[in-house]
Amino acid sequence: MLNYGNWEDIKALMRLYSEEEIREVVAKARRGVWLKKVLNFWVTILNIEMDREKFERAIMRVNIGAIHQNPYNLGERIHQKL
């Protein structure tokens, strides 16, 4: 929800979890699961000190080239219909 939620989702999350619990999730950012702008937002809003290496490891990497190389991939099937 922190990555993809809208404002209503975030307000619901804040009702369910304390700021400290949310801070803990962000501070322990798992490898490759965060959108860069979103992680930057939460680190800034929650005033979390995170070293650059940990921040970069947490960022989701998408290989666009792999989408076009796999004929069974949804992206490729959509492209073929166009």
Protein backbone atom coordinates (compact mmCIF):
# COMPACT_ATOMS: atom_id res chain seq x y z
CA MET A 1 0.00 0.00 0.00
CA LEU A 2 2.91 2.37 0.65
CA ASN A 3 4.06 1.88 -2.95
CA TYR A 4 0.76 1.93 -4.86
CA GLY A 5 -1.92 3.24 -2.54
CA ASN A 6 -3.89 6.42 -3.05
CA TRP A 7 -4.58 9.03 -0.39
CA GLU A 8 -7.60 7.13 0.99
CA ASP A 9 -5.47 3.98 1.31
CA ILE A 10 -2.77 5.91 3.16
CA LYS A 11 -5.30 7.42 5.59
CA ALA A 12 -6.67 3.92 6.31
CA LEU A 13 -3.14 2.62 6.83
CA MET A 14 -2.45 5.42 9.32
CA ARG A 15 -5.55 4.43 11.28
CA LEU A 16 -4.42 0.78 11.44
CA TYR A 17 -0.71 1.25 12.15
CA SER A 18 1.26 3.70 14.23
CA GLU A 19 3.75 6.04 12.62
CA GLU A 20 6.50 4.07 14.35
CA GLU A 21 5.31 0.79 12.76
CA ILE A 22 5.25 2.41 9.33
CA ARG A 23 8.66 3.95 9.95
CA GLU A 24 10.03 0.50 10.81
CA VAL A 25 8.74 -0.99 7.53
CA VAL A 26 10.29 1.82 5.49
CA ALA A 27 13.56 1.78 7.44
CA LYS A 28 13.89 -1.97 6.81
CA ALA A 29 13.17 -1.54 3.09
CA ARG A 30 13.38 -4.92 1.37
CA ARG A 31 15.52 -5.40 -1.72
CA GLY A 32 13.87 -4.55 -5.02
CA VAL A 33 10.32 -3.85 -3.87
CA TRP A 34 10.14 -0.04 -3.80
CA LEU A 35 9.46 2.51 -6.50
CA LYS A 36 12.24 5.10 -6.24
CA LYS A 37 10.01 8.18 -5.91
CA VAL A 38 7.80 6.46 -3.35
CA LEU A 39 10.68 5.32 -1.13
CA ASN A 40 12.19 8.79 -1.34
CA PHE A 41 8.82 10.28 -0.31
CA TRP A 42 8.45 8.04 2.75
CA VAL A 43 12.08 8.40 3.83
CA THR A 44 11.66 12.18 3.66
CA ILE A 45 8.21 12.36 5.30
CA LEU A 46 9.17 10.02 8.13
CA ASN A 47 12.63 11.60 8.55
CA ILE A 48 14.47 8.28 8.14
CA GLU A 49 18.21 8.25 7.68
CA MET A 50 19.04 5.61 5.06
CA ASP A 51 22.43 5.19 3.45
CA ARG A 52 22.58 5.43 -0.33
CA GLU A 53 23.54 1.78 -0.83
CA LYS A 54 20.56 0.47 1.13
CA PHE A 55 18.25 2.91 -0.66
CA GLU A 56 19.47 1.79 -4.09
CA ARG A 57 19.14 -1.92 -3.19
CA ALA A 58 15.52 -1.35 -2.20
CA ILE A 59 14.60 0.15 -5.59
CA MET A 60 12.61 -2.04 -7.98
CA ARG A 61 14.44 -2.66 -11.25
CA VAL A 62 12.38 -3.42 -14.34
CA ASN A 63 14.06 -4.92 -17.38
CA ILE A 64 11.96 -3.62 -20.27
CA GLY A 65 14.09 -5.57 -22.76
CA ALA A 66 13.00 -8.86 -21.17
CA ILE A 67 9.37 -8.03 -21.85
CA HIS A 68 10.01 -7.82 -25.58
CA GLN A 69 12.16 -10.98 -25.64
CA ASN A 70 9.51 -13.26 -24.10
CA PRO A 71 6.73 -14.08 -26.60
CA TYR A 72 4.47 -15.36 -23.82
CA ASN A 73 4.68 -12.11 -21.94
CA LEU A 74 1.53 -10.01 -21.70
CA GLY A 75 3.37 -6.91 -22.91
CA GLU A 76 4.34 -8.72 -26.09
CA ARG A 77 0.82 -10.02 -26.68
CA ILE A 78 -0.60 -6.54 -26.33
CA HIS A 79 2.00 -5.19 -28.75
CA GLN A 80 1.06 -7.86 -31.31
CA LYS A 81 -2.61 -6.87 -31.15
CA LEU A 82 -1.73 -3.29 -32.00
